[in-house]
Amino acid sequence: MQKNKVSDLIGISEAAHILGFKQRKKIDQLIADKFLRTFSKKDSKLIWLSKKEVYELPVALPVPPTKDMLDRRK
């Protein structure tokens, strides 16, 4: 875990809410896959994430992608 500015840190449940997940399991997977870094706060045992990193995650394509989206990739 790393240290970061306290004002930029959010909890896992808030990150899940921002990304539209109902459970934290997807956030745990993003952490395990190294898409999100964890941080620590003094006197806290919780896992914290950078709000900036959460908002900077790429947006996934809808499933199934529309024909227009597939044509743009060519």
PDB file of N, CA and C in Angstrom:
ATOM      1  N   MET A   1       0.833  -1.180   0.000  1.00  0.00           N
ATOM      2  CA  MET A   1       0.000   0.000   0.000  1.00  0.00           C
ATOM      3  C   MET A   1       0.877   1.243   0.000  1.00  0.00           C
ATOM      4  N   GLN A   2       0.354   2.270  -0.593  1.00  0.00           N
ATOM      5  CA  GLN A   2       1.107   3.503  -0.713  1.00  0.00           C
ATOM      6  C   GLN A   2       0.385   4.629   0.010  1.00  0.00           C
ATOM      7  N   LYS A   3       1.127   5.691   0.254  1.00  0.00           N
ATOM      8  CA  LYS A   3       0.546   6.895   0.857  1.00  0.00           C
ATOM      9  C   LYS A   3       0.124   7.845  -0.260  1.00  0.00           C
ATOM     10  N   ASN A   4      -0.960   8.561  -0.054  1.00  0.00           N
ATOM     11  CA  ASN A   4      -1.462   9.511  -1.047  1.00  0.00           C
ATOM     12  C   ASN A   4      -2.140  10.649  -0.297  1.00  0.00           C
ATOM     13  N   LYS A   5      -2.493  11.727  -1.010  1.00  0.00           N
ATOM     14  CA  LYS A   5      -3.220  12.820  -0.370  1.00  0.00           C
ATOM     15  C   LYS A   5      -4.546  12.280   0.162  1.00  0.00           C
ATOM     16  N   VAL A   6      -4.834  12.556   1.414  1.00  0.00           N
ATOM     17  CA  VAL A   6      -6.016  12.017   2.070  1.00  0.00           C
ATOM     18  C   VAL A   6      -7.302  12.456   1.382  1.00  0.00           C
ATOM     19  N   SER A   7      -7.352  13.662   0.858  1.00  0.00           N
ATOM     20  CA  SER A   7      -8.588  14.173   0.263  1.00  0.00           C
ATOM     21  C   SER A   7      -8.954  13.443  -1.030  1.00  0.00           C
ATOM     22  N   ASP A   8      -8.000  12.797  -1.681  1.00  0.00           N
ATOM     23  CA  ASP A   8      -8.242  12.093  -2.939  1.00  0.00           C
ATOM     24  C   ASP A   8      -8.650  10.639  -2.717  1.00  0.00           C
ATOM     25  N   LEU A   9      -8.593  10.142  -1.496  1.00  0.00           N
ATOM     26  CA  LEU A   9      -8.832   8.731  -1.242  1.00  0.00           C
ATOM     27  C   LEU A   9     -10.298   8.427  -0.956  1.00  0.00           C
ATOM     28  N   ILE A  10     -10.749   7.295  -1.520  1.00  0.00           N
ATOM     29  CA  ILE A  10     -12.120   6.840  -1.287  1.00  0.00           C
ATOM     30  C   ILE A  10     -12.081   5.354  -0.917  1.00  0.00           C
ATOM     31  N   GLY A  11     -13.142   4.895  -0.297  1.00  0.00           N
ATOM     32  CA  GLY A  11     -13.242   3.495   0.076  1.00  0.00           C
ATOM     33  C   GLY A  11     -13.658   2.634  -1.113  1.00  0.00           C
ATOM     34  N   ILE A  12     -13.543   1.329  -0.921  1.00  0.00           N
ATOM     35  CA  ILE A  12     -13.886   0.392  -1.989  1.00  0.00           C
ATOM     36  C   ILE A  12     -15.370   0.462  -2.332  1.00  0.00           C
ATOM     37  N   SER A  13     -16.231   0.598  -1.329  1.00  0.00           N
ATOM     38  CA  SER A  13     -17.669   0.648  -1.612  1.00  0.00           C
ATOM     39  C   SER A  13     -18.033   1.891  -2.416  1.00  0.00           C
ATOM     40  N   GLU A  14     -17.383   3.016  -2.138  1.00  0.00           N
ATOM     41  CA  GLU A  14     -17.646   4.232  -2.918  1.00  0.00           C
ATOM     42  C   GLU A  14     -17.148   4.071  -4.352  1.00  0.00           C
ATOM     43  N   ALA A  15     -15.989   3.428  -4.520  1.00  0.00           N
ATOM     44  CA  ALA A  15     -15.469   3.179  -5.866  1.00  0.00           C
ATOM     45  C   ALA A  15     -16.422   2.277  -6.646  1.00  0.00           C
ATOM     46  N   ALA A  16     -16.970   1.268  -5.981  1.00  0.00           N
ATOM     47  CA  ALA A  16     -17.931   0.376  -6.632  1.00  0.00           C
ATOM     48  C   ALA A  16     -19.164   1.160  -7.069  1.00  0.00           C
ATOM     49  N   HIS A  17     -19.630   2.051  -6.217  1.00  0.00           N
ATOM     50  CA  HIS A  17     -20.798   2.876  -6.545  1.00  0.00           C
ATOM     51  C   HIS A  17     -20.516   3.780  -7.744  1.00  0.00           C
ATOM     52  N   ILE A  18     -19.352   4.404  -7.778  1.00  0.00           N
ATOM     53  CA  ILE A  18     -18.979   5.294  -8.878  1.00  0.00           C
ATOM     54  C   ILE A  18     -18.965   4.531 -10.201  1.00  0.00           C
ATOM     55  N   LEU A  19     -18.460   3.294 -10.169  1.00  0.00           N
ATOM     56  CA  LEU A  19     -18.347   2.510 -11.398  1.00  0.00           C
ATOM     57  C   LEU A  19     -19.614   1.734 -11.746  1.00  0.00           C
ATOM     58  N   GLY A  20     -20.632   1.841 -10.888  1.00  0.00           N
ATOM     59  CA  GLY A  20     -21.907   1.201 -11.186  1.00  0.00           C
ATOM     60  C   GLY A  20     -22.009  -0.251 -10.762  1.00  0.00           C
ATOM     61  N   PHE A  21     -21.127  -0.688  -9.874  1.00  0.00           N
ATOM     62  CA  PHE A  21     -21.173  -2.061  -9.374  1.00  0.00           C
ATOM     63  C   PHE A  21     -21.983  -2.106  -8.087  1.00  0.00           C
ATOM     64  N   LYS A  22     -22.719  -3.194  -7.888  1.00  0.00           N
ATOM     65  CA  LYS A  22     -23.493  -3.349  -6.663  1.00  0.00           C
ATOM     66  C   LYS A  22     -22.662  -3.981  -5.549  1.00  0.00           C
ATOM     67  N   GLN A  23     -21.620  -4.706  -5.930  1.00  0.00           N
ATOM     68  CA  GLN A  23     -20.777  -5.372  -4.945  1.00  0.00           C
ATOM     69  C   GLN A  23     -19.321  -5.000  -5.176  1.00  0.00           C
ATOM     70  N   ARG A  24     -18.508  -5.240  -4.172  1.00  0.00           N
ATOM     71  CA  ARG A  24     -17.100  -4.859  -4.244  1.00  0.00           C
ATOM     72  C   ARG A  24     -16.230  -5.890  -4.950  1.00  0.00           C
ATOM     73  N   LYS A  25     -16.786  -7.027  -5.325  1.00  0.00           N
ATOM     74  CA  LYS A  25     -15.995  -8.092  -5.931  1.00  0.00           C
ATOM     75  C   LYS A  25     -15.281  -7.631  -7.205  1.00  0.00           C
ATOM     76  N   LYS A  26     -15.947  -6.841  -8.022  1.00  0.00           N
ATOM     77  CA  LYS A  26     -15.331  -6.334  -9.258  1.00  0.00           C
ATOM     78  C   LYS A  26     -14.170  -5.383  -8.938  1.00  0.00           C
ATOM     79  N   ILE A  27     -14.310  -4.595  -7.888  1.00  0.00           N
ATOM     80  CA  ILE A  27     -13.223  -3.696  -7.479  1.00  0.00           C
ATOM     81  C   ILE A  27     -12.038  -4.517  -6.995  1.00  0.00           C
ATOM     82  N   ASP A  28     -12.312  -5.561  -6.226  1.00  0.00           N
ATOM     83  CA  ASP A  28     -11.237  -6.450  -5.768  1.00  0.00           C
ATOM     84  C   ASP A  28     -10.501  -7.057  -6.956  1.00  0.00           C
ATOM     85  N   GLN A  29     -11.230  -7.400  -8.010  1.00  0.00           N
ATOM     86  CA  GLN A  29     -10.608  -7.961  -9.207  1.00  0.00           C
ATOM     87  C   GLN A  29      -9.754  -6.912  -9.923  1.00  0.00           C
ATOM     88  N   LEU A  30     -10.222  -5.679  -9.994  1.00  0.00           N
ATOM     89  CA  LEU A  30      -9.430  -4.599 -10.601  1.00  0.00           C
ATOM     90  C   LEU A  30      -8.140  -4.354  -9.823  1.00  0.00           C
ATOM     91  N   ILE A  31      -8.206  -4.491  -8.506  1.00  0.00           N
ATOM     92  CA  ILE A  31      -7.002  -4.350  -7.676  1.00  0.00           C
ATOM     93  C   ILE A  31      -6.048  -5.506  -7.946  1.00  0.00           C
ATOM     94  N   ALA A  32      -6.584  -6.734  -7.987  1.00  0.00           N
ATOM     95  CA  ALA A  32      -5.751  -7.907  -8.227  1.00  0.00           C
ATOM     96  C   ALA A  32      -5.090  -7.861  -9.604  1.00  0.00           C
ATOM     97  N   ASP A  33      -5.807  -7.314 -10.590  1.00  0.00           N
ATOM     98  CA  ASP A  33      -5.271  -7.206 -11.952  1.00  0.00           C
ATOM     99  C   ASP A  33      -4.395  -5.970 -12.151  1.00  0.00           C
ATOM    100  N   LYS A  34      -4.148  -5.220 -11.068  1.00  0.00           N
ATOM    101  CA  LYS A  34      -3.262  -4.042 -11.071  1.00  0.00           C
ATOM    102  C   LYS A  34      -3.803  -2.867 -11.885  1.00  0.00           C
ATOM    103  N   PHE A  35      -5.132  -2.801 -12.057  1.00  0.00           N
ATOM    104  CA  PHE A  35      -5.726  -1.631 -12.700  1.00  0.00           C
ATOM    105  C   PHE A  35      -5.920  -0.508 -11.679  1.00  0.00           C
ATOM    106  N   LEU A  36      -6.033  -0.861 -10.410  1.00  0.00           N
ATOM    107  CA  LEU A  36      -6.163   0.118  -9.326  1.00  0.00           C
ATOM    108  C   LEU A  36      -5.112  -0.179  -8.265  1.00  0.00           C
ATOM    109  N   ARG A  37      -4.505   0.888  -7.747  1.00  0.00           N
ATOM    110  CA  ARG A  37      -3.535   0.749  -6.650  1.00  0.00           C
ATOM    111  C   ARG A  37      -4.238   1.015  -5.326  1.00  0.00           C
ATOM    112  N   THR A  38      -3.758   0.382  -4.279  1.00  0.00           N
ATOM    113  CA  THR A  38      -4.320   0.609  -2.945  1.00  0.00           C
ATOM    114  C   THR A  38      -3.418   1.562  -2.165  1.00  0.00           C
ATOM    115  N   PHE A  39      -4.039   2.288  -1.240  1.00  0.00           N
ATOM    116  CA  PHE A  39      -3.331   3.254  -0.416  1.00  0.00           C
ATOM    117  C   PHE A  39      -3.718   3.042   1.037  1.00  0.00           C
ATOM    118  N   SER A  40      -2.950   3.634   1.936  1.00  0.00           N
ATOM    119  CA  SER A  40      -3.247   3.524   3.362  1.00  0.00           C
ATOM    120  C   SER A  40      -3.329   4.915   3.984  1.00  0.00           C
ATOM    121  N   LYS A  41      -4.115   4.994   5.049  1.00  0.00           N
ATOM    122  CA  LYS A  41      -4.206   6.209   5.848  1.00  0.00           C
ATOM    123  C   LYS A  41      -3.665   5.885   7.234  1.00  0.00           C
ATOM    124  N   LYS A  42      -3.109   6.883   7.855  1.00  0.00           N
ATOM    125  CA  LYS A  42      -2.591   6.707   9.205  1.00  0.00           C
ATOM    126  C   LYS A  42      -3.747   6.315  10.140  1.00  0.00           C
ATOM    127  N   ASP A  43      -3.510   5.330  10.969  1.00  0.00           N
ATOM    128  CA  ASP A  43      -4.479   4.847  11.968  1.00  0.00           C
ATOM    129  C   ASP A  43      -5.738   4.259  11.334  1.00  0.00           C
ATOM    130  N   SER A  44      -5.641   3.713  10.133  1.00  0.00           N
ATOM    131  CA  SER A  44      -6.793   3.096   9.477  1.00  0.00           C
ATOM    132  C   SER A  44      -6.378   1.741   8.905  1.00  0.00           C
ATOM    133  N   LYS A  45      -7.206   0.739   9.113  1.00  0.00           N
ATOM    134  CA  LYS A  45      -6.928  -0.587   8.571  1.00  0.00           C
ATOM    135  C   LYS A  45      -7.658  -0.828   7.257  1.00  0.00           C
ATOM    136  N   LEU A  46      -8.456   0.133   6.817  1.00  0.00           N
ATOM    137  CA  LEU A  46      -9.207  -0.012   5.584  1.00  0.00           C
ATOM    138  C   LEU A  46      -8.314   0.125   4.360  1.00  0.00           C
ATOM    139  N   ILE A  47      -8.801  -0.402   3.246  1.00  0.00           N
ATOM    140  CA  ILE A  47      -8.115  -0.251   1.964  1.00  0.00           C
ATOM    141  C   ILE A  47      -8.714   0.973   1.278  1.00  0.00           C
ATOM    142  N   TRP A  48      -7.851   1.856   0.802  1.00  0.00           N
ATOM    143  CA  TRP A  48      -8.287   3.091   0.161  1.00  0.00           C
ATOM    144  C   TRP A  48      -7.816   3.108  -1.281  1.00  0.00           C
ATOM    145  N   LEU A  49      -8.589   3.768  -2.133  1.00  0.00           N
ATOM    146  CA  LEU A  49      -8.260   3.907  -3.551  1.00  0.00           C
ATOM    147  C   LEU A  49      -8.231   5.380  -3.929  1.00  0.00           C
ATOM    148  N   SER A  50      -7.502   5.688  -4.974  1.00  0.00           N
ATOM    149  CA  SER A  50      -7.451   7.054  -5.479  1.00  0.00           C
ATOM    150  C   SER A  50      -8.703   7.328  -6.305  1.00  0.00           C
ATOM    151  N   LYS A  51      -9.424   8.388  -5.952  1.00  0.00           N
ATOM    152  CA  LYS A  51     -10.630   8.763  -6.700  1.00  0.00           C
ATOM    153  C   LYS A  51     -10.263   9.076  -8.154  1.00  0.00           C
ATOM    154  N   LYS A  52      -9.123   9.717  -8.351  1.00  0.00           N
ATOM    155  CA  LYS A  52      -8.670  10.064  -9.694  1.00  0.00           C
ATOM    156  C   LYS A  52      -8.460   8.806 -10.535  1.00  0.00           C
ATOM    157  N   GLU A  53      -7.825   7.782  -9.971  1.00  0.00           N
ATOM    158  CA  GLU A  53      -7.595   6.535 -10.707  1.00  0.00           C
ATOM    159  C   GLU A  53      -8.908   5.841 -11.051  1.00  0.00           C
ATOM    160  N   VAL A  54      -9.869   5.890 -10.136  1.00  0.00           N
ATOM    161  CA  VAL A  54     -11.170   5.263 -10.384  1.00  0.00           C
ATOM    162  C   VAL A  54     -11.857   5.950 -11.559  1.00  0.00           C
ATOM    163  N   TYR A  55     -11.861   7.283 -11.582  1.00  0.00           N
ATOM    164  CA  TYR A  55     -12.505   8.019 -12.666  1.00  0.00           C
ATOM    165  C   TYR A  55     -11.748   7.893 -13.990  1.00  0.00           C
ATOM    166  N   GLU A  56     -10.458   7.578 -13.934  1.00  0.00           N
ATOM    167  CA  GLU A  56      -9.663   7.466 -15.160  1.00  0.00           C
ATOM    168  C   GLU A  56      -9.694   6.073 -15.777  1.00  0.00           C
ATOM    169  N   LEU A  57     -10.402   5.135 -15.165  1.00  0.00           N
ATOM    170  CA  LEU A  57     -10.508   3.808 -15.761  1.00  0.00           C
ATOM    171  C   LEU A  57     -11.219   3.920 -17.104  1.00  0.00           C
ATOM    172  N   PRO A  58     -10.799   3.123 -18.104  1.00  0.00           N
ATOM    173  CA  PRO A  58     -11.469   3.195 -19.406  1.00  0.00           C
ATOM    174  C   PRO A  58     -12.908   2.706 -19.311  1.00  0.00           C
ATOM    175  N   VAL A  59     -13.744   3.233 -20.180  1.00  0.00           N
ATOM    176  CA  VAL A  59     -15.154   2.848 -20.223  1.00  0.00           C
ATOM    177  C   VAL A  59     -15.297   1.621 -21.114  1.00  0.00           C
ATOM    178  N   ALA A  60     -15.965   0.599 -20.625  1.00  0.00           N
ATOM    179  CA  ALA A  60     -16.145  -0.640 -21.384  1.00  0.00           C
ATOM    180  C   ALA A  60     -17.193  -0.472 -22.474  1.00  0.00           C
ATOM    181  N   LEU A  61     -17.058  -1.256 -23.524  1.00  0.00           N
ATOM    182  CA  LEU A  61     -18.059  -1.284 -24.580  1.00  0.00           C
ATOM    183  C   LEU A  61     -19.297  -2.016 -24.075  1.00  0.00           C
ATOM    184  N   PRO A  62     -20.474  -1.659 -24.585  1.00  0.00           N
ATOM    185  CA  PRO A  62     -21.664  -2.404 -24.189  1.00  0.00           C
ATOM    186  C   PRO A  62     -21.621  -3.819 -24.754  1.00  0.00           C
ATOM    187  N   VAL A  63     -22.307  -4.728 -24.122  1.00  0.00           N
ATOM    188  CA  VAL A  63     -22.342  -6.108 -24.592  1.00  0.00           C
ATOM    189  C   VAL A  63     -23.722  -6.373 -25.139  1.00  0.00           C
ATOM    190  N   PRO A  64     -23.922  -6.764 -26.355  1.00  0.00           N
ATOM    191  CA  PRO A  64     -22.929  -6.785 -27.435  1.00  0.00           C
ATOM    192  C   PRO A  64     -22.712  -5.379 -27.975  1.00  0.00           C
ATOM    193  N   PRO A  65     -21.513  -5.106 -28.520  1.00  0.00           N
ATOM    194  CA  PRO A  65     -21.257  -3.780 -29.069  1.00  0.00           C
ATOM    195  C   PRO A  65     -22.151  -3.522 -30.291  1.00  0.00           C
ATOM    196  N   THR A  66     -22.509  -2.277 -30.480  1.00  0.00           N
ATOM    197  CA  THR A  66     -23.344  -1.917 -31.628  1.00  0.00           C
ATOM    198  C   THR A  66     -22.515  -1.988 -32.910  1.00  0.00           C
ATOM    199  N   LYS A  67     -23.185  -2.133 -34.036  1.00  0.00           N
ATOM    200  CA  LYS A  67     -22.499  -2.209 -35.326  1.00  0.00           C
ATOM    201  C   LYS A  67     -21.694  -0.936 -35.583  1.00  0.00           C
ATOM    202  N   ASP A  68     -22.219   0.210 -35.186  1.00  0.00           N
ATOM    203  CA  ASP A  68     -21.522   1.483 -35.349  1.00  0.00           C
ATOM    204  C   ASP A  68     -20.186   1.475 -34.593  1.00  0.00           C
ATOM    205  N   MET A  69     -20.180   0.959 -33.397  1.00  0.00           N
ATOM    206  CA  MET A  69     -18.943   0.904 -32.604  1.00  0.00           C
ATOM    207  C   MET A  69     -17.922  -0.027 -33.243  1.00  0.00           C
ATOM    208  N   LEU A  70     -18.390  -1.128 -33.791  1.00  0.00           N
ATOM    209  CA  LEU A  70     -17.469  -2.058 -34.450  1.00  0.00           C
ATOM    210  C   LEU A  70     -16.891  -1.460 -35.729  1.00  0.00           C
ATOM    211  N   ASP A  71     -17.688  -0.693 -36.459  1.00  0.00           N
ATOM    212  CA  ASP A  71     -17.211  -0.072 -37.703  1.00  0.00           C
ATOM    213  C   ASP A  71     -16.164   1.007 -37.425  1.00  0.00           C
ATOM    214  N   ARG A  72     -16.274   1.704 -36.300  1.00  0.00           N
ATOM    215  CA  ARG A  72     -15.311   2.769 -35.958  1.00  0.00           C
ATOM    216  C   ARG A  72     -13.933   2.200 -35.656  1.00  0.00           C
ATOM    217  N   ARG A  73     -13.869   0.967 -35.208  1.00  0.00           N
ATOM    218  CA  ARG A  73     -12.580   0.373 -34.831  1.00  0.00           C
ATOM    219  C   ARG A  73     -11.748  -0.041 -36.036  1.00  0.00           C
ATOM    220  N   LYS A  74     -12.345  -0.107 -37.215  1.00  0.00           N
ATOM    221  CA  LYS A  74     -11.617  -0.566 -38.418  1.00  0.00           C
ATOM    222  C   LYS A  74     -10.771   0.504 -39.008  1.00  0.00           C
TER     223      LYS A  74
END
